[in-house]
Amino acid sequence: MGQIEDLRLFALVVENRSISKAAGKLRIAKSAVNRRLSLLEERYGSHLIETAALESGTSLKPLNARLDL
């Protein structure tokens, strides 16, 4: 995937506050979304989202990372 598609994927994850929901909307596996997010983080040298396991499920929040596009 290209850079624009990966940034759109990231935006969809943030909008939905869920990797699973974004994967469902994109009709791709959750593992594929995780991998693309990892590649984005490698590309920009920064963590982009933070996940935390909670009793009620998984919490996801974007980090205030600066991306040099």
PDB file of N, CA and C in Angstrom:
ATOM      1  N   MET A   1       0.834  -1.189   0.000  1.00  0.00           N
ATOM      2  CA  MET A   1       0.000   0.000   0.000  1.00  0.00           C
ATOM      3  C   MET A   1       0.872   1.243   0.000  1.00  0.00           C
ATOM      4  N   GLY A   2       0.331   2.303  -0.523  1.00  0.00           N
ATOM      5  CA  GLY A   2       1.057   3.556  -0.575  1.00  0.00           C
ATOM      6  C   GLY A   2       0.909   4.375   0.689  1.00  0.00           C
ATOM      7  N   GLN A   3       1.661   5.440   0.741  1.00  0.00           N
ATOM      8  CA  GLN A   3       1.673   6.302   1.920  1.00  0.00           C
ATOM      9  C   GLN A   3       0.303   6.919   2.189  1.00  0.00           C
ATOM     10  N   ILE A   4      -0.367   7.373   1.145  1.00  0.00           N
ATOM     11  CA  ILE A   4      -1.697   7.989   1.319  1.00  0.00           C
ATOM     12  C   ILE A   4      -2.685   6.970   1.885  1.00  0.00           C
ATOM     13  N   GLU A   5      -2.683   5.754   1.339  1.00  0.00           N
ATOM     14  CA  GLU A   5      -3.593   4.720   1.825  1.00  0.00           C
ATOM     15  C   GLU A   5      -3.314   4.371   3.284  1.00  0.00           C
ATOM     16  N   ASP A   6      -2.031   4.326   3.643  1.00  0.00           N
ATOM     17  CA  ASP A   6      -1.685   4.034   5.029  1.00  0.00           C
ATOM     18  C   ASP A   6      -2.136   5.149   5.964  1.00  0.00           C
ATOM     19  N   LEU A   7      -2.016   6.399   5.534  1.00  0.00           N
ATOM     20  CA  LEU A   7      -2.479   7.513   6.369  1.00  0.00           C
ATOM     21  C   LEU A   7      -4.004   7.508   6.478  1.00  0.00           C
ATOM     22  N   ARG A   8      -4.689   7.114   5.429  1.00  0.00           N
ATOM     23  CA  ARG A   8      -6.154   6.987   5.490  1.00  0.00           C
ATOM     24  C   ARG A   8      -6.548   5.887   6.470  1.00  0.00           C
ATOM     25  N   LEU A   9      -5.806   4.770   6.439  1.00  0.00           N
ATOM     26  CA  LEU A   9      -6.051   3.685   7.372  1.00  0.00           C
ATOM     27  C   LEU A   9      -5.869   4.182   8.809  1.00  0.00           C
ATOM     28  N   PHE A  10      -4.790   4.906   9.054  1.00  0.00           N
ATOM     29  CA  PHE A  10      -4.535   5.460  10.382  1.00  0.00           C
ATOM     30  C   PHE A  10      -5.687   6.378  10.815  1.00  0.00           C
ATOM     31  N   ALA A  11      -6.134   7.233   9.915  1.00  0.00           N
ATOM     32  CA  ALA A  11      -7.241   8.139  10.230  1.00  0.00           C
ATOM     33  C   ALA A  11      -8.512   7.354  10.555  1.00  0.00           C
ATOM     34  N   LEU A  12      -8.772   6.283   9.826  1.00  0.00           N
ATOM     35  CA  LEU A  12      -9.956   5.469  10.087  1.00  0.00           C
ATOM     36  C   LEU A  12      -9.869   4.782  11.447  1.00  0.00           C
ATOM     37  N   VAL A  13      -8.696   4.312  11.808  1.00  0.00           N
ATOM     38  CA  VAL A  13      -8.495   3.705  13.130  1.00  0.00           C
ATOM     39  C   VAL A  13      -8.779   4.736  14.219  1.00  0.00           C
ATOM     40  N   VAL A  14      -8.247   5.941  14.058  1.00  0.00           N
ATOM     41  CA  VAL A  14      -8.445   6.992  15.056  1.00  0.00           C
ATOM     42  C   VAL A  14      -9.914   7.407  15.121  1.00  0.00           C
ATOM     43  N   GLU A  15     -10.548   7.596  13.966  1.00  0.00           N
ATOM     44  CA  GLU A  15     -11.966   7.991  13.943  1.00  0.00           C
ATOM     45  C   GLU A  15     -12.843   6.972  14.655  1.00  0.00           C
ATOM     46  N   ASN A  16     -12.554   5.692  14.450  1.00  0.00           N
ATOM     47  CA  ASN A  16     -13.360   4.627  15.043  1.00  0.00           C
ATOM     48  C   ASN A  16     -12.887   4.231  16.436  1.00  0.00           C
ATOM     49  N   ARG A  17     -11.718   4.726  16.820  1.00  0.00           N
ATOM     50  CA  ARG A  17     -11.110   4.386  18.098  1.00  0.00           C
ATOM     51  C   ARG A  17     -11.029   2.872  18.274  1.00  0.00           C
ATOM     52  N   SER A  18     -10.801   2.194  17.138  1.00  0.00           N
ATOM     53  CA  SER A  18     -10.756   0.740  17.170  1.00  0.00           C
ATOM     54  C   SER A  18     -10.059   0.202  15.927  1.00  0.00           C
ATOM     55  N   ILE A  19      -9.081  -0.655  16.143  1.00  0.00           N
ATOM     56  CA  ILE A  19      -8.423  -1.320  15.027  1.00  0.00           C
ATOM     57  C   ILE A  19      -9.381  -2.330  14.399  1.00  0.00           C
ATOM     58  N   SER A  20     -10.136  -3.032  15.233  1.00  0.00           N
ATOM     59  CA  SER A  20     -11.081  -4.031  14.727  1.00  0.00           C
ATOM     60  C   SER A  20     -12.165  -3.408  13.862  1.00  0.00           C
ATOM     61  N   LYS A  21     -12.727  -2.280  14.315  1.00  0.00           N
ATOM     62  CA  LYS A  21     -13.771  -1.623  13.530  1.00  0.00           C
ATOM     63  C   LYS A  21     -13.221  -1.105  12.207  1.00  0.00           C
ATOM     64  N   ALA A  22     -12.018  -0.548  12.240  1.00  0.00           N
ATOM     65  CA  ALA A  22     -11.399  -0.067  11.004  1.00  0.00           C
ATOM     66  C   ALA A  22     -11.156  -1.232  10.052  1.00  0.00           C
ATOM     67  N   ALA A  23     -10.672  -2.347  10.582  1.00  0.00           N
ATOM     68  CA  ALA A  23     -10.439  -3.530   9.758  1.00  0.00           C
ATOM     69  C   ALA A  23     -11.743  -4.003   9.118  1.00  0.00           C
ATOM     70  N   GLY A  24     -12.814  -4.007   9.903  1.00  0.00           N
ATOM     71  CA  GLY A  24     -14.119  -4.417   9.382  1.00  0.00           C
ATOM     72  C   GLY A  24     -14.605  -3.506   8.267  1.00  0.00           C
ATOM     73  N   LYS A  25     -14.454  -2.206   8.449  1.00  0.00           N
ATOM     74  CA  LYS A  25     -14.889  -1.248   7.419  1.00  0.00           C
ATOM     75  C   LYS A  25     -14.055  -1.366   6.151  1.00  0.00           C
ATOM     76  N   LEU A  26     -12.782  -1.712   6.322  1.00  0.00           N
ATOM     77  CA  LEU A  26     -11.890  -1.866   5.167  1.00  0.00           C
ATOM     78  C   LEU A  26     -11.958  -3.275   4.564  1.00  0.00           C
ATOM     79  N   ARG A  27     -12.634  -4.169   5.296  1.00  0.00           N
ATOM     80  CA  ARG A  27     -12.745  -5.571   4.879  1.00  0.00           C
ATOM     81  C   ARG A  27     -11.384  -6.231   4.721  1.00  0.00           C
ATOM     82  N   ILE A  28     -10.533  -5.964   5.711  1.00  0.00           N
ATOM     83  CA  ILE A  28      -9.230  -6.623   5.766  1.00  0.00           C
ATOM     84  C   ILE A  28      -9.040  -7.164   7.182  1.00  0.00           C
ATOM     85  N   ALA A  29      -8.115  -8.070   7.335  1.00  0.00           N
ATOM     86  CA  ALA A  29      -7.856  -8.680   8.639  1.00  0.00           C
ATOM     87  C   ALA A  29      -7.284  -7.658   9.620  1.00  0.00           C
ATOM     88  N   LYS A  30      -7.640  -7.838  10.896  1.00  0.00           N
ATOM     89  CA  LYS A  30      -7.113  -6.972  11.945  1.00  0.00           C
ATOM     90  C   LYS A  30      -5.585  -7.024  11.966  1.00  0.00           C
ATOM     91  N   SER A  31      -5.018  -8.190  11.704  1.00  0.00           N
ATOM     92  CA  SER A  31      -3.559  -8.326  11.683  1.00  0.00           C
ATOM     93  C   SER A  31      -2.935  -7.481  10.571  1.00  0.00           C
ATOM     94  N   ALA A  32      -3.653  -7.325   9.454  1.00  0.00           N
ATOM     95  CA  ALA A  32      -3.145  -6.484   8.357  1.00  0.00           C
ATOM     96  C   ALA A  32      -3.137  -5.015   8.768  1.00  0.00           C
ATOM     97  N   VAL A  33      -4.153  -4.599   9.501  1.00  0.00           N
ATOM     98  CA  VAL A  33      -4.193  -3.213  10.001  1.00  0.00           C
ATOM     99  C   VAL A  33      -3.050  -2.994  10.985  1.00  0.00           C
ATOM    100  N   ASN A  34      -2.864  -3.936  11.894  1.00  0.00           N
ATOM    101  CA  ASN A  34      -1.762  -3.819  12.864  1.00  0.00           C
ATOM    102  C   ASN A  34      -0.418  -3.721  12.152  1.00  0.00           C
ATOM    103  N   ARG A  35      -0.224  -4.538  11.135  1.00  0.00           N
ATOM    104  CA  ARG A  35       1.047  -4.530  10.408  1.00  0.00           C
ATOM    105  C   ARG A  35       1.266  -3.192   9.709  1.00  0.00           C
ATOM    106  N   ARG A  36       0.231  -2.660   9.069  1.00  0.00           N
ATOM    107  CA  ARG A  36       0.366  -1.379   8.369  1.00  0.00           C
ATOM    108  C   ARG A  36       0.618  -0.245   9.346  1.00  0.00           C
ATOM    109  N   LEU A  37      -0.005  -0.303  10.513  1.00  0.00           N
ATOM    110  CA  LEU A  37       0.267   0.713  11.540  1.00  0.00           C
ATOM    111  C   LEU A  37       1.714   0.612  12.013  1.00  0.00           C
ATOM    112  N   SER A  38       2.198  -0.605  12.173  1.00  0.00           N
ATOM    113  CA  SER A  38       3.601  -0.806  12.569  1.00  0.00           C
ATOM    114  C   SER A  38       4.554  -0.241  11.524  1.00  0.00           C
ATOM    115  N   LEU A  39       4.240  -0.464  10.264  1.00  0.00           N
ATOM    116  CA  LEU A  39       5.075   0.073   9.184  1.00  0.00           C
ATOM    117  C   LEU A  39       5.063   1.607   9.181  1.00  0.00           C
ATOM    118  N   LEU A  40       3.900   2.193   9.451  1.00  0.00           N
ATOM    119  CA  LEU A  40       3.817   3.659   9.553  1.00  0.00           C
ATOM    120  C   LEU A  40       4.684   4.163  10.696  1.00  0.00           C
ATOM    121  N   GLU A  41       4.607   3.484  11.835  1.00  0.00           N
ATOM    122  CA  GLU A  41       5.414   3.888  12.985  1.00  0.00           C
ATOM    123  C   GLU A  41       6.902   3.785  12.672  1.00  0.00           C
ATOM    124  N   GLU A  42       7.281   2.736  11.968  1.00  0.00           N
ATOM    125  CA  GLU A  42       8.685   2.599  11.556  1.00  0.00           C
ATOM    126  C   GLU A  42       9.083   3.713  10.600  1.00  0.00           C
ATOM    127  N   ARG A  43       8.219   4.000   9.642  1.00  0.00           N
ATOM    128  CA  ARG A  43       8.513   5.025   8.640  1.00  0.00           C
ATOM    129  C   ARG A  43       8.740   6.383   9.286  1.00  0.00           C
ATOM    130  N   TYR A  44       7.903   6.721  10.286  1.00  0.00           N
ATOM    131  CA  TYR A  44       7.989   8.040  10.905  1.00  0.00           C
ATOM    132  C   TYR A  44       8.799   8.049  12.199  1.00  0.00           C
ATOM    133  N   GLY A  45       9.255   6.872  12.625  1.00  0.00           N
ATOM    134  CA  GLY A  45      10.094   6.803  13.822  1.00  0.00           C
ATOM    135  C   GLY A  45       9.395   7.252  15.085  1.00  0.00           C
ATOM    136  N   SER A  46       8.089   6.979  15.171  1.00  0.00           N
ATOM    137  CA  SER A  46       7.320   7.429  16.327  1.00  0.00           C
ATOM    138  C   SER A  46       6.123   6.519  16.537  1.00  0.00           C
ATOM    139  N   HIS A  47       5.747   6.305  17.803  1.00  0.00           N
ATOM    140  CA  HIS A  47       4.510   5.584  18.083  1.00  0.00           C
ATOM    141  C   HIS A  47       3.342   6.498  17.749  1.00  0.00           C
ATOM    142  N   LEU A  48       2.335   5.945  17.077  1.00  0.00           N
ATOM    143  CA  LEU A  48       1.204   6.761  16.633  1.00  0.00           C
ATOM    144  C   LEU A  48      -0.039   6.582  17.481  1.00  0.00           C
ATOM    145  N   ILE A  49      -0.226   5.379  18.014  1.00  0.00           N
ATOM    146  CA  ILE A  49      -1.389   5.137  18.868  1.00  0.00           C
ATOM    147  C   ILE A  49      -0.949   4.369  20.097  1.00  0.00           C
ATOM    148  N   GLU A  50      -1.768   4.468  21.113  1.00  0.00           N
ATOM    149  CA  GLU A  50      -1.523   3.745  22.360  1.00  0.00           C
ATOM    150  C   GLU A  50      -2.756   2.903  22.628  1.00  0.00           C
ATOM    151  N   THR A  51      -2.538   1.645  22.913  1.00  0.00           N
ATOM    152  CA  THR A  51      -3.655   0.779  23.277  1.00  0.00           C
ATOM    153  C   THR A  51      -3.463   0.327  24.717  1.00  0.00           C
ATOM    154  N   ALA A  52      -4.567   0.158  25.388  1.00  0.00           N
ATOM    155  CA  ALA A  52      -4.530  -0.297  26.773  1.00  0.00           C
ATOM    156  C   ALA A  52      -5.679  -1.276  26.985  1.00  0.00           C
ATOM    157  N   ALA A  53      -5.385  -2.405  27.557  1.00  0.00           N
ATOM    158  CA  ALA A  53      -6.417  -3.392  27.857  1.00  0.00           C
ATOM    159  C   ALA A  53      -7.171  -2.952  29.110  1.00  0.00           C
ATOM    160  N   LEU A  54      -8.449  -2.869  29.001  1.00  0.00           N
ATOM    161  CA  LEU A  54      -9.309  -2.494  30.123  1.00  0.00           C
ATOM    162  C   LEU A  54     -10.304  -3.623  30.373  1.00  0.00           C
ATOM    163  N   GLU A  55     -10.942  -3.615  31.527  1.00  0.00           N
ATOM    164  CA  GLU A  55     -11.957  -4.628  31.801  1.00  0.00           C
ATOM    165  C   GLU A  55     -13.088  -4.564  30.780  1.00  0.00           C
ATOM    166  N   SER A  56     -13.408  -3.389  30.313  1.00  0.00           N
ATOM    167  CA  SER A  56     -14.511  -3.219  29.378  1.00  0.00           C
ATOM    168  C   SER A  56     -14.086  -3.397  27.925  1.00  0.00           C
ATOM    169  N   GLY A  57     -12.828  -3.704  27.675  1.00  0.00           N
ATOM    170  CA  GLY A  57     -12.345  -3.868  26.310  1.00  0.00           C
ATOM    171  C   GLY A  57     -11.010  -3.175  26.136  1.00  0.00           C
ATOM    172  N   THR A  58     -10.665  -2.884  24.912  1.00  0.00           N
ATOM    173  CA  THR A  58      -9.394  -2.227  24.623  1.00  0.00           C
ATOM    174  C   THR A  58      -9.629  -0.758  24.349  1.00  0.00           C
ATOM    175  N   SER A  59      -8.838   0.064  24.970  1.00  0.00           N
ATOM    176  CA  SER A  59      -8.895   1.512  24.761  1.00  0.00           C
ATOM    177  C   SER A  59      -7.809   1.892  23.760  1.00  0.00           C
ATOM    178  N   LEU A  60      -8.130   2.768  22.837  1.00  0.00           N
ATOM    179  CA  LEU A  60      -7.174   3.227  21.838  1.00  0.00           C
ATOM    180  C   LEU A  60      -7.192   4.744  21.819  1.00  0.00           C
ATOM    181  N   LYS A  61      -6.013   5.352  21.835  1.00  0.00           N
ATOM    182  CA  LYS A  61      -5.964   6.802  21.705  1.00  0.00           C
ATOM    183  C   LYS A  61      -4.757   7.186  20.869  1.00  0.00           C
ATOM    184  N   PRO A  62      -4.923   8.198  20.017  1.00  0.00           N
ATOM    185  CA  PRO A  62      -3.784   8.653  19.223  1.00  0.00           C
ATOM    186  C   PRO A  62      -2.806   9.405  20.110  1.00  0.00           C
ATOM    187  N   LEU A  63      -1.548   9.266  19.805  1.00  0.00           N
ATOM    188  CA  LEU A  63      -0.527  10.012  20.527  1.00  0.00           C
ATOM    189  C   LEU A  63      -0.254  11.309  19.782  1.00  0.00           C
ATOM    190  N   ASN A  64       0.292  12.272  20.457  1.00  0.00           N
ATOM    191  CA  ASN A  64       0.599  13.556  19.831  1.00  0.00           C
ATOM    192  C   ASN A  64       1.974  13.486  19.162  1.00  0.00           C
ATOM    193  N   ALA A  65       2.069  12.628  18.181  1.00  0.00           N
ATOM    194  CA  ALA A  65       3.324  12.472  17.452  1.00  0.00           C
ATOM    195  C   ALA A  65       3.362  13.491  16.303  1.00  0.00           C
ATOM    196  N   ARG A  66       4.525  14.023  16.055  1.00  0.00           N
ATOM    197  CA  ARG A  66       4.696  14.941  14.936  1.00  0.00           C
ATOM    198  C   ARG A  66       5.210  14.138  13.760  1.00  0.00           C
ATOM    199  N   LEU A  67       4.497  14.201  12.647  1.00  0.00           N
ATOM    200  CA  LEU A  67       4.901  13.466  11.454  1.00  0.00           C
ATOM    201  C   LEU A  67       5.486  14.434  10.442  1.00  0.00           C
ATOM    202  N   ASP A  68       6.660  14.138   9.969  1.00  0.00           N
ATOM    203  CA  ASP A  68       7.250  14.929   8.901  1.00  0.00           C
ATOM    204  C   ASP A  68       6.917  14.257   7.587  1.00  0.00           C
ATOM    205  N   LEU A  69       5.893  14.771   6.928  1.00  0.00           N
ATOM    206  CA  LEU A  69       5.412  14.149   5.686  1.00  0.00           C
ATOM    207  C   LEU A  69       6.191  14.631   4.491  1.00  0.00           C
TER     208      LEU A  69
END
